[in-house]
Amino acid sequence: MVKTIVLKIGGSVLTDKTLREVNIRGEVIEKVANEIRELMDEGNRFILLHGVGSAGHVPVKEYELYKGFFDKRQLIGYAIAQNRVNRVRQAVLDALERSGVPGIMFFPSSFIVADKGRIIKMYYEPMVKIAETGIVPVLSGDMVADLTMKLSVCSGDQQAFKMAEVFNADLIIFGVDVDGVFDSDPKKGKAKLLKRLTLKEVEEIISQVGGAAGIDVSGGMKGKLLEALANKWFFEKGGEVWILNIMKDKMLTRALKGETDEFTRITK
């Protein structure tokens, strides 16, 4: 039986989010692309999303696009953000192509409508039909049309749950640059990895979880947990969210094969 997996690769994996310029970790993208190809050969089906890292977050913050559209000076900022993010998108697509993964980009700004930053409508039918051929849909964080704000940030984290709904997937994996959710910041000292979390436990710890390192307008780890809480339906139907360190060699593969539990697993 083919297993459908929604995999979101974090912007902190693809770029160094502490830097202002567009910087792409080509070797990391290449490694992940090869791993995806191998897992597809074993019968897994992927819906891919990726963060935009420093490429998007810097201009979105500088031009205050995260507040919505309110001034014409923001228009060039929107263009700058899209053009910078397109470099990351293309790097991901190129790596997938070299690995033999037939990935095609679907721009969220072309089929998603939001209201106050939350997705309310998606024209996803063409994407689903194309994916039936075996094409791997690739999406990324984007700025989308918004009924109230005119423009709003639409994170890959929020899109992940929508893609799980559209493609009837019961597993969402967030590939990040840390091992999962910790009881304190693992980059600042000793911290305990929380391997299993229920939704109730997520609610209890949410106030203790920080954002991402560097400039991030989508919320980092806290954003992922908030999205989990905002999509309880996914867990009610038996879905799981895994948060793992995709930068570690074959971590994605080992987790899917049950060879490691060194990651965070969120269930109902």
C-alpha atoms as a PDB file:
ATOM      1  CA  MET A   1       0.000   0.000   0.000  1.00  0.00           C
ATOM      2  CA  VAL A   2       1.366   3.416  -0.997  1.00  0.00           C
ATOM      3  CA  LYS A   3       1.861   5.729   1.964  1.00  0.00           C
ATOM      4  CA  THR A   4       1.238   9.415   1.302  1.00  0.00           C
ATOM      5  CA  ILE A   5       3.525  11.697   3.301  1.00  0.00           C
ATOM      6  CA  VAL A   6       3.342  15.473   3.525  1.00  0.00           C
ATOM      7  CA  LEU A   7       6.946  16.554   4.024  1.00  0.00           C
ATOM      8  CA  LYS A   8       7.774  20.151   4.873  1.00  0.00           C
ATOM      9  CA  ILE A   9      11.476  21.033   4.753  1.00  0.00           C
ATOM     10  CA  GLY A  10      12.226  24.001   6.981  1.00  0.00           C
ATOM     11  CA  GLY A  11      13.720  27.238   5.761  1.00  0.00           C
ATOM     12  CA  SER A  12      16.359  26.872   8.473  1.00  0.00           C
ATOM     13  CA  VAL A  13      17.471  23.679   6.723  1.00  0.00           C
ATOM     14  CA  LEU A  14      17.673  25.175   3.237  1.00  0.00           C
ATOM     15  CA  THR A  15      19.242  28.499   4.264  1.00  0.00           C
ATOM     16  CA  ASP A  16      21.030  30.142   7.170  1.00  0.00           C
ATOM     17  CA  LYS A  17      18.204  32.287   8.513  1.00  0.00           C
ATOM     18  CA  THR A  18      20.552  34.416  10.611  1.00  0.00           C
ATOM     19  CA  LEU A  19      21.981  35.966   7.414  1.00  0.00           C
ATOM     20  CA  ARG A  20      20.245  38.695   5.415  1.00  0.00           C
ATOM     21  CA  GLU A  21      21.446  37.652   1.983  1.00  0.00           C
ATOM     22  CA  VAL A  22      20.028  34.719   0.059  1.00  0.00           C
ATOM     23  CA  ASN A  23      22.211  31.762   0.984  1.00  0.00           C
ATOM     24  CA  ILE A  24      21.301  28.271  -0.116  1.00  0.00           C
ATOM     25  CA  ARG A  25      22.708  25.087   1.422  1.00  0.00           C
ATOM     26  CA  GLY A  26      23.042  23.177  -1.832  1.00  0.00           C
ATOM     27  CA  GLU A  27      24.625  20.078  -0.309  1.00  0.00           C
ATOM     28  CA  VAL A  28      21.779  19.731   2.197  1.00  0.00           C
ATOM     29  CA  ILE A  29      19.108  20.053  -0.503  1.00  0.00           C
ATOM     30  CA  GLU A  30      20.956  17.471  -2.610  1.00  0.00           C
ATOM     31  CA  LYS A  31      21.113  14.988   0.268  1.00  0.00           C
ATOM     32  CA  VAL A  32      17.416  15.351   1.089  1.00  0.00           C
ATOM     33  CA  ALA A  33      16.438  15.032  -2.592  1.00  0.00           C
ATOM     34  CA  ASN A  34      18.381  11.759  -2.897  1.00  0.00           C
ATOM     35  CA  GLU A  35      16.731  10.419   0.239  1.00  0.00           C
ATOM     36  CA  ILE A  36      13.266  11.298  -1.096  1.00  0.00           C
ATOM     37  CA  ARG A  37      14.041   9.468  -4.339  1.00  0.00           C
ATOM     38  CA  GLU A  38      15.065   6.329  -2.458  1.00  0.00           C
ATOM     39  CA  LEU A  39      11.950   6.444  -0.300  1.00  0.00           C
ATOM     40  CA  MET A  40       9.766   6.896  -3.384  1.00  0.00           C
ATOM     41  CA  ASP A  41      11.400   3.832  -4.924  1.00  0.00           C
ATOM     42  CA  GLU A  42      10.232   1.927  -1.830  1.00  0.00           C
ATOM     43  CA  GLY A  43       6.607   2.901  -2.464  1.00  0.00           C
ATOM     44  CA  ASN A  44       6.174   6.169  -0.582  1.00  0.00           C
ATOM     45  CA  ARG A  45       4.335   9.101  -2.135  1.00  0.00           C
ATOM     46  CA  PHE A  46       5.363  12.640  -1.215  1.00  0.00           C
ATOM     47  CA  ILE A  47       3.709  16.034  -1.191  1.00  0.00           C
ATOM     48  CA  LEU A  48       6.614  18.451  -0.638  1.00  0.00           C
ATOM     49  CA  LEU A  49       6.614  21.856   0.964  1.00  0.00           C
ATOM     50  CA  HIS A  50       9.548  24.002   1.937  1.00  0.00           C
ATOM     51  CA  GLY A  51      10.238  27.114   3.922  1.00  0.00           C
ATOM     52  CA  VAL A  52      11.772  30.203   2.356  1.00  0.00           C
ATOM     53  CA  GLY A  53      14.343  30.987   5.037  1.00  0.00           C
ATOM     54  CA  SER A  54      16.336  34.192   4.765  1.00  0.00           C
ATOM     55  CA  ALA A  55      15.167  34.700   1.165  1.00  0.00           C
ATOM     56  CA  GLY A  56      11.609  35.556   2.155  1.00  0.00           C
ATOM     57  CA  HIS A  57      11.625  36.543   5.784  1.00  0.00           C
ATOM     58  CA  VAL A  58      14.054  39.464   5.385  1.00  0.00           C
ATOM     59  CA  PRO A  59      12.051  41.498   2.801  1.00  0.00           C
ATOM     60  CA  VAL A  60       8.718  40.485   4.350  1.00  0.00           C
ATOM     61  CA  LYS A  61       9.861  41.986   7.633  1.00  0.00           C
ATOM     62  CA  GLU A  62      11.637  44.987   6.098  1.00  0.00           C
ATOM     63  CA  TYR A  63       8.574  46.030   4.073  1.00  0.00           C
ATOM     64  CA  GLU A  64       6.140  44.992   6.832  1.00  0.00           C
ATOM     65  CA  LEU A  65       4.314  42.687   4.460  1.00  0.00           C
ATOM     66  CA  TYR A  66       3.368  40.457   7.380  1.00  0.00           C
ATOM     67  CA  LYS A  67       0.988  43.249   8.459  1.00  0.00           C
ATOM     68  CA  GLY A  68      -0.868  43.088   5.156  1.00  0.00           C
ATOM     69  CA  PHE A  69      -0.907  45.585   2.287  1.00  0.00           C
ATOM     70  CA  PHE A  70      -1.343  49.216   3.350  1.00  0.00           C
ATOM     71  CA  ASP A  71       1.177  51.279   1.355  1.00  0.00           C
ATOM     72  CA  LYS A  72       2.328  51.301  -2.281  1.00  0.00           C
ATOM     73  CA  ARG A  73       5.970  51.198  -1.156  1.00  0.00           C
ATOM     74  CA  GLN A  74       5.324  47.584  -0.150  1.00  0.00           C
ATOM     75  CA  LEU A  75       4.740  46.513  -3.741  1.00  0.00           C
ATOM     76  CA  ILE A  76       8.418  46.501  -4.634  1.00  0.00           C
ATOM     77  CA  GLY A  77       9.024  44.603  -1.393  1.00  0.00           C
ATOM     78  CA  TYR A  78       6.544  41.958  -2.513  1.00  0.00           C
ATOM     79  CA  ALA A  79       8.355  41.659  -5.840  1.00  0.00           C
ATOM     80  CA  ILE A  80      11.739  41.481  -4.112  1.00  0.00           C
ATOM     81  CA  ALA A  81      10.480  38.752  -1.759  1.00  0.00           C
ATOM     82  CA  GLN A  82       9.081  36.681  -4.631  1.00  0.00           C
ATOM     83  CA  ASN A  83      12.247  37.021  -6.707  1.00  0.00           C
ATOM     84  CA  ARG A  84      14.490  36.050  -3.788  1.00  0.00           C
ATOM     85  CA  VAL A  85      12.274  33.102  -2.863  1.00  0.00           C
ATOM     86  CA  ASN A  86      12.247  31.953  -6.480  1.00  0.00           C
ATOM     87  CA  ARG A  87      15.995  31.304  -6.162  1.00  0.00           C
ATOM     88  CA  VAL A  88      15.344  28.914  -3.267  1.00  0.00           C
ATOM     89  CA  ARG A  89      12.422  27.300  -5.089  1.00  0.00           C
ATOM     90  CA  GLN A  90      14.564  26.696  -8.164  1.00  0.00           C
ATOM     91  CA  ALA A  91      17.419  25.263  -6.108  1.00  0.00           C
ATOM     92  CA  VAL A  92      15.009  22.739  -4.582  1.00  0.00           C
ATOM     93  CA  LEU A  93      13.509  21.847  -7.983  1.00  0.00           C
ATOM     94  CA  ASP A  94      16.964  21.470  -9.556  1.00  0.00           C
ATOM     95  CA  ALA A  95      18.105  19.115  -6.785  1.00  0.00           C
ATOM     96  CA  LEU A  96      14.941  17.028  -7.135  1.00  0.00           C
ATOM     97  CA  GLU A  97      15.451  16.834 -10.889  1.00  0.00           C
ATOM     98  CA  ARG A  98      19.059  15.678 -10.518  1.00  0.00           C
ATOM     99  CA  SER A  99      17.856  12.978  -8.112  1.00  0.00           C
ATOM    100  CA  GLY A 100      15.180  11.771 -10.513  1.00  0.00           C
ATOM    101  CA  VAL A 101      12.259  13.135  -8.493  1.00  0.00           C
ATOM    102  CA  PRO A 102       9.612  14.614 -10.848  1.00  0.00           C
ATOM    103  CA  GLY A 103       8.876  17.668  -8.718  1.00  0.00           C
ATOM    104  CA  ILE A 104       6.724  20.498 -10.099  1.00  0.00           C
ATOM    105  CA  MET A 105       6.230  23.828  -8.318  1.00  0.00           C
ATOM    106  CA  PHE A 106       2.703  24.964  -7.512  1.00  0.00           C
ATOM    107  CA  PHE A 107       2.679  28.577  -6.333  1.00  0.00           C
ATOM    108  CA  PRO A 108       0.321  29.025  -3.356  1.00  0.00           C
ATOM    109  CA  SER A 109      -0.264  32.649  -4.420  1.00  0.00           C
ATOM    110  CA  SER A 110      -1.913  31.337  -7.592  1.00  0.00           C
ATOM    111  CA  PHE A 111      -4.543  29.119  -5.952  1.00  0.00           C
ATOM    112  CA  ILE A 112      -4.955  30.058  -2.272  1.00  0.00           C
ATOM    113  CA  VAL A 113      -7.180  32.753  -0.759  1.00  0.00           C
ATOM    114  CA  ALA A 114      -6.825  33.666   2.909  1.00  0.00           C
ATOM    115  CA  ASP A 115      -8.649  35.861   5.400  1.00  0.00           C
ATOM    116  CA  LYS A 116      -6.684  37.459   8.241  1.00  0.00           C
ATOM    117  CA  GLY A 117      -3.792  35.125   7.485  1.00  0.00           C
ATOM    118  CA  ARG A 118      -5.787  31.883   7.533  1.00  0.00           C
ATOM    119  CA  ILE A 119      -6.507  29.821   4.412  1.00  0.00           C
ATOM    120  CA  ILE A 120     -10.222  29.854   3.568  1.00  0.00           C
ATOM    121  CA  LYS A 121     -10.245  28.694  -0.060  1.00  0.00           C
ATOM    122  CA  MET A 122      -8.001  26.652  -2.350  1.00  0.00           C
ATOM    123  CA  TYR A 123      -8.391  25.945  -6.063  1.00  0.00           C
ATOM    124  CA  TYR A 124      -6.493  22.700  -5.803  1.00  0.00           C
ATOM    125  CA  GLU A 125      -8.235  20.507  -8.387  1.00  0.00           C
ATOM    126  CA  PRO A 126      -5.624  20.920 -11.175  1.00  0.00           C
ATOM    127  CA  MET A 127      -2.800  20.092  -8.749  1.00  0.00           C
ATOM    128  CA  VAL A 128      -4.551  16.933  -7.553  1.00  0.00           C
ATOM    129  CA  LYS A 129      -5.254  15.838 -11.123  1.00  0.00           C
ATOM    130  CA  ILE A 130      -1.643  16.397 -12.172  1.00  0.00           C
ATOM    131  CA  ALA A 131      -0.371  14.562  -9.070  1.00  0.00           C
ATOM    132  CA  GLU A 132      -2.380  11.501 -10.118  1.00  0.00           C
ATOM    133  CA  THR A 133       0.177  10.979 -12.883  1.00  0.00           C
ATOM    134  CA  GLY A 134       2.978  10.525 -10.344  1.00  0.00           C
ATOM    135  CA  ILE A 135       4.192  14.122 -10.379  1.00  0.00           C
ATOM    136  CA  VAL A 136       5.366  15.312  -6.953  1.00  0.00           C
ATOM    137  CA  PRO A 137       3.709  18.638  -6.022  1.00  0.00           C
ATOM    138  CA  VAL A 138       6.171  21.119  -4.530  1.00  0.00           C
ATOM    139  CA  LEU A 139       4.910  24.167  -2.608  1.00  0.00           C
ATOM    140  CA  SER A 140       6.570  26.801  -0.476  1.00  0.00           C
ATOM    141  CA  GLY A 141       5.829  29.627   1.890  1.00  0.00           C
ATOM    142  CA  ASP A 142       4.261  32.517  -0.021  1.00  0.00           C
ATOM    143  CA  MET A 143       2.336  35.778   0.141  1.00  0.00           C
ATOM    144  CA  VAL A 144      -1.269  35.170  -0.888  1.00  0.00           C
ATOM    145  CA  ALA A 145      -4.417  37.162  -1.576  1.00  0.00           C
ATOM    146  CA  ASP A 146      -6.236  38.025   1.650  1.00  0.00           C
ATOM    147  CA  LEU A 147      -9.832  39.248   1.916  1.00  0.00           C
ATOM    148  CA  THR A 148      -9.128  41.490   4.912  1.00  0.00           C
ATOM    149  CA  MET A 149      -5.391  42.249   4.692  1.00  0.00           C
ATOM    150  CA  LYS A 150      -5.210  42.228   0.853  1.00  0.00           C
ATOM    151  CA  LEU A 151      -1.937  40.272   1.172  1.00  0.00           C
ATOM    152  CA  SER A 152      -0.830  37.925   3.938  1.00  0.00           C
ATOM    153  CA  VAL A 153       1.954  35.479   4.729  1.00  0.00           C
ATOM    154  CA  CYS A 154       0.941  31.880   4.091  1.00  0.00           C
ATOM    155  CA  SER A 155       3.454  29.609   5.793  1.00  0.00           C
ATOM    156  CA  GLY A 156       4.372  26.140   4.659  1.00  0.00           C
ATOM    157  CA  ASP A 157       3.376  24.954   8.127  1.00  0.00           C
ATOM    158  CA  GLN A 158      -0.223  26.056   7.609  1.00  0.00           C
ATOM    159  CA  GLN A 159      -0.242  24.661   4.075  1.00  0.00           C
ATOM    160  CA  ALA A 160       0.989  21.264   5.319  1.00  0.00           C
ATOM    161  CA  PHE A 161      -2.287  20.500   7.078  1.00  0.00           C
ATOM    162  CA  LYS A 162      -4.304  21.656   4.062  1.00  0.00           C
ATOM    163  CA  MET A 163      -2.264  19.372   1.799  1.00  0.00           C
ATOM    164  CA  ALA A 164      -2.849  16.489   4.212  1.00  0.00           C
ATOM    165  CA  GLU A 165      -6.571  17.132   3.849  1.00  0.00           C
ATOM    166  CA  VAL A 166      -6.488  17.455   0.056  1.00  0.00           C
ATOM    167  CA  PHE A 167      -4.353  14.342  -0.483  1.00  0.00           C
ATOM    168  CA  ASN A 168      -5.844  12.322   2.396  1.00  0.00           C
ATOM    169  CA  ALA A 169      -2.476  11.889   4.131  1.00  0.00           C
ATOM    170  CA  ASP A 170      -2.246  10.802   7.761  1.00  0.00           C
ATOM    171  CA  LEU A 171       1.410  11.721   8.282  1.00  0.00           C
ATOM    172  CA  ILE A 172       2.949  15.193   8.243  1.00  0.00           C
ATOM    173  CA  ILE A 173       6.705  15.409   8.749  1.00  0.00           C
ATOM    174  CA  PHE A 174       8.437  18.676   9.554  1.00  0.00           C
ATOM    175  CA  GLY A 175      12.114  18.365   8.635  1.00  0.00           C
ATOM    176  CA  VAL A 176      14.033  20.897  10.745  1.00  0.00           C
ATOM    177  CA  ASP A 177      17.586  21.546  11.978  1.00  0.00           C
ATOM    178  CA  VAL A 178      17.041  20.262  15.538  1.00  0.00           C
ATOM    179  CA  ASP A 179      15.985  16.812  16.752  1.00  0.00           C
ATOM    180  CA  GLY A 180      12.419  17.882  17.599  1.00  0.00           C
ATOM    181  CA  VAL A 181      10.651  19.681  20.443  1.00  0.00           C
ATOM    182  CA  PHE A 182      12.726  20.120  23.601  1.00  0.00           C
ATOM    183  CA  ASP A 183      11.860  21.179  27.120  1.00  0.00           C
ATOM    184  CA  SER A 184      14.243  24.150  26.636  1.00  0.00           C
ATOM    185  CA  ASP A 185      16.334  25.647  23.808  1.00  0.00           C
ATOM    186  CA  PRO A 186      18.806  22.897  22.736  1.00  0.00           C
ATOM    187  CA  LYS A 187      21.019  25.516  21.082  1.00  0.00           C
ATOM    188  CA  LYS A 188      21.582  27.262  24.395  1.00  0.00           C
ATOM    189  CA  GLY A 189      22.477  24.347  26.642  1.00  0.00           C
ATOM    190  CA  LYS A 190      21.341  20.964  27.918  1.00  0.00           C
ATOM    191  CA  ALA A 191      17.780  20.132  26.963  1.00  0.00           C
ATOM    192  CA  LYS A 192      15.557  17.060  26.969  1.00  0.00           C
ATOM    193  CA  LEU A 193      13.986  15.861  23.727  1.00  0.00           C
ATOM    194  CA  LEU A 194      10.243  15.340  24.067  1.00  0.00           C
ATOM    195  CA  LYS A 195       9.772  12.203  21.961  1.00  0.00           C
ATOM    196  CA  ARG A 196       6.025  11.772  22.375  1.00  0.00           C
ATOM    197  CA  LEU A 197       3.478  14.534  22.776  1.00  0.00           C
ATOM    198  CA  THR A 198      -0.302  14.452  22.843  1.00  0.00           C
ATOM    199  CA  LEU A 199      -2.328  17.453  21.722  1.00  0.00           C
ATOM    200  CA  LYS A 200      -3.165  18.130  25.362  1.00  0.00           C
ATOM    201  CA  GLU A 201       0.539  18.219  26.235  1.00  0.00           C
ATOM    202  CA  VAL A 202       1.205  20.535  23.301  1.00  0.00           C
ATOM    203  CA  GLU A 203      -1.357  22.949  24.733  1.00  0.00           C
ATOM    204  CA  GLU A 204       0.426  22.832  28.083  1.00  0.00           C
ATOM    205  CA  ILE A 205       3.925  23.519  26.762  1.00  0.00           C
ATOM    206  CA  ILE A 206       3.130  25.971  23.954  1.00  0.00           C
ATOM    207  CA  SER A 207       3.923  29.033  26.051  1.00  0.00           C
ATOM    208  CA  GLN A 208       7.416  27.690  26.785  1.00  0.00           C
ATOM    209  CA  VAL A 209       8.434  27.089  23.176  1.00  0.00           C
ATOM    210  CA  GLY A 210      10.448  29.812  21.442  1.00  0.00           C
ATOM    211  CA  GLY A 211      10.445  30.923  17.836  1.00  0.00           C
ATOM    212  CA  ALA A 212      13.169  30.174  15.297  1.00  0.00           C
ATOM    213  CA  ALA A 213      16.702  31.558  15.267  1.00  0.00           C
ATOM    214  CA  GLY A 214      17.188  34.573  13.041  1.00  0.00           C
ATOM    215  CA  ILE A 215      14.427  36.542  11.357  1.00  0.00           C
ATOM    216  CA  ASP A 216      11.218  34.526  11.063  1.00  0.00           C
ATOM    217  CA  VAL A 217       7.735  35.900  10.504  1.00  0.00           C
ATOM    218  CA  SER A 218       5.986  32.519  10.569  1.00  0.00           C
ATOM    219  CA  GLY A 219       6.761  31.407  14.111  1.00  0.00           C
ATOM    220  CA  GLY A 220       9.454  28.708  13.967  1.00  0.00           C
ATOM    221  CA  MET A 221       8.824  25.695  16.201  1.00  0.00           C
ATOM    222  CA  LYS A 222       6.057  27.488  18.049  1.00  0.00           C
ATOM    223  CA  GLY A 223       4.313  28.059  14.733  1.00  0.00           C
ATOM    224  CA  LYS A 224       4.322  24.335  14.001  1.00  0.00           C
ATOM    225  CA  LEU A 225       2.782  23.521  17.368  1.00  0.00           C
ATOM    226  CA  LEU A 226       0.163  26.254  16.990  1.00  0.00           C
ATOM    227  CA  GLU A 227      -0.769  24.812  13.599  1.00  0.00           C
ATOM    228  CA  ALA A 228      -1.155  21.386  15.204  1.00  0.00           C
ATOM    229  CA  LEU A 229      -3.558  22.873  17.748  1.00  0.00           C
ATOM    230  CA  ALA A 230      -5.435  24.724  15.007  1.00  0.00           C
ATOM    231  CA  ASN A 231      -5.960  21.462  13.101  1.00  0.00           C
ATOM    232  CA  LYS A 232      -7.267  19.059  15.708  1.00  0.00           C
ATOM    233  CA  TRP A 233      -9.394  17.369  13.024  1.00  0.00           C
ATOM    234  CA  PHE A 234      -6.197  15.903  11.574  1.00  0.00           C
ATOM    235  CA  PHE A 235      -5.373  14.105  14.812  1.00  0.00           C
ATOM    236  CA  GLU A 236      -8.996  13.107  15.421  1.00  0.00           C
ATOM    237  CA  LYS A 237      -8.881  11.063  12.201  1.00  0.00           C
ATOM    238  CA  GLY A 238      -5.689   9.310  13.327  1.00  0.00           C
ATOM    239  CA  GLY A 239      -3.094  11.635  11.829  1.00  0.00           C
ATOM    240  CA  GLU A 240       0.369  12.138  13.282  1.00  0.00           C
ATOM    241  CA  VAL A 241       2.931  14.929  13.077  1.00  0.00           C
ATOM    242  CA  TRP A 242       6.616  14.120  13.298  1.00  0.00           C
ATOM    243  CA  ILE A 243       9.271  16.775  13.859  1.00  0.00           C
ATOM    244  CA  LEU A 244      12.757  15.508  13.101  1.00  0.00           C
ATOM    245  CA  ASN A 245      16.260  16.639  12.203  1.00  0.00           C
ATOM    246  CA  ILE A 246      16.352  16.144   8.453  1.00  0.00           C
ATOM    247  CA  MET A 247      19.956  17.384   8.345  1.00  0.00           C
ATOM    248  CA  LYS A 248      21.080  14.182  10.062  1.00  0.00           C
ATOM    249  CA  ASP A 249      22.129  11.480   7.627  1.00  0.00           C
ATOM    250  CA  LYS A 250      19.199   9.230   6.624  1.00  0.00           C
ATOM    251  CA  MET A 251      17.120  10.478   9.573  1.00  0.00           C
ATOM    252  CA  LEU A 252      13.970  10.630   7.463  1.00  0.00           C
ATOM    253  CA  THR A 253      14.496   7.080   6.243  1.00  0.00           C
ATOM    254  CA  ARG A 254      15.342   5.673   9.657  1.00  0.00           C
ATOM    255  CA  ALA A 255      12.289   7.302  11.229  1.00  0.00           C
ATOM    256  CA  LEU A 256       9.947   5.943   8.559  1.00  0.00           C
ATOM    257  CA  LYS A 257      11.434   2.464   8.931  1.00  0.00           C
ATOM    258  CA  GLY A 258      11.087   2.547  12.722  1.00  0.00           C
ATOM    259  CA  GLU A 259      14.855   2.374  13.247  1.00  0.00           C
ATOM    260  CA  THR A 260      14.986   5.437  15.510  1.00  0.00           C
ATOM    261  CA  ASP A 261      12.741   7.317  17.907  1.00  0.00           C
ATOM    262  CA  GLU A 262      15.034  10.322  18.302  1.00  0.00           C
ATOM    263  CA  PHE A 263      12.414  12.803  17.155  1.00  0.00           C
ATOM    264  CA  THR A 264       9.132  14.291  18.356  1.00  0.00           C
ATOM    265  CA  ARG A 265       5.922  12.481  17.520  1.00  0.00           C
ATOM    266  CA  ILE A 266       2.608  14.308  18.098  1.00  0.00           C
ATOM    267  CA  THR A 267      -0.590  12.258  18.301  1.00  0.00           C
ATOM    268  CA  LYS A 268      -4.137  12.739  19.539  1.00  0.00           C
END
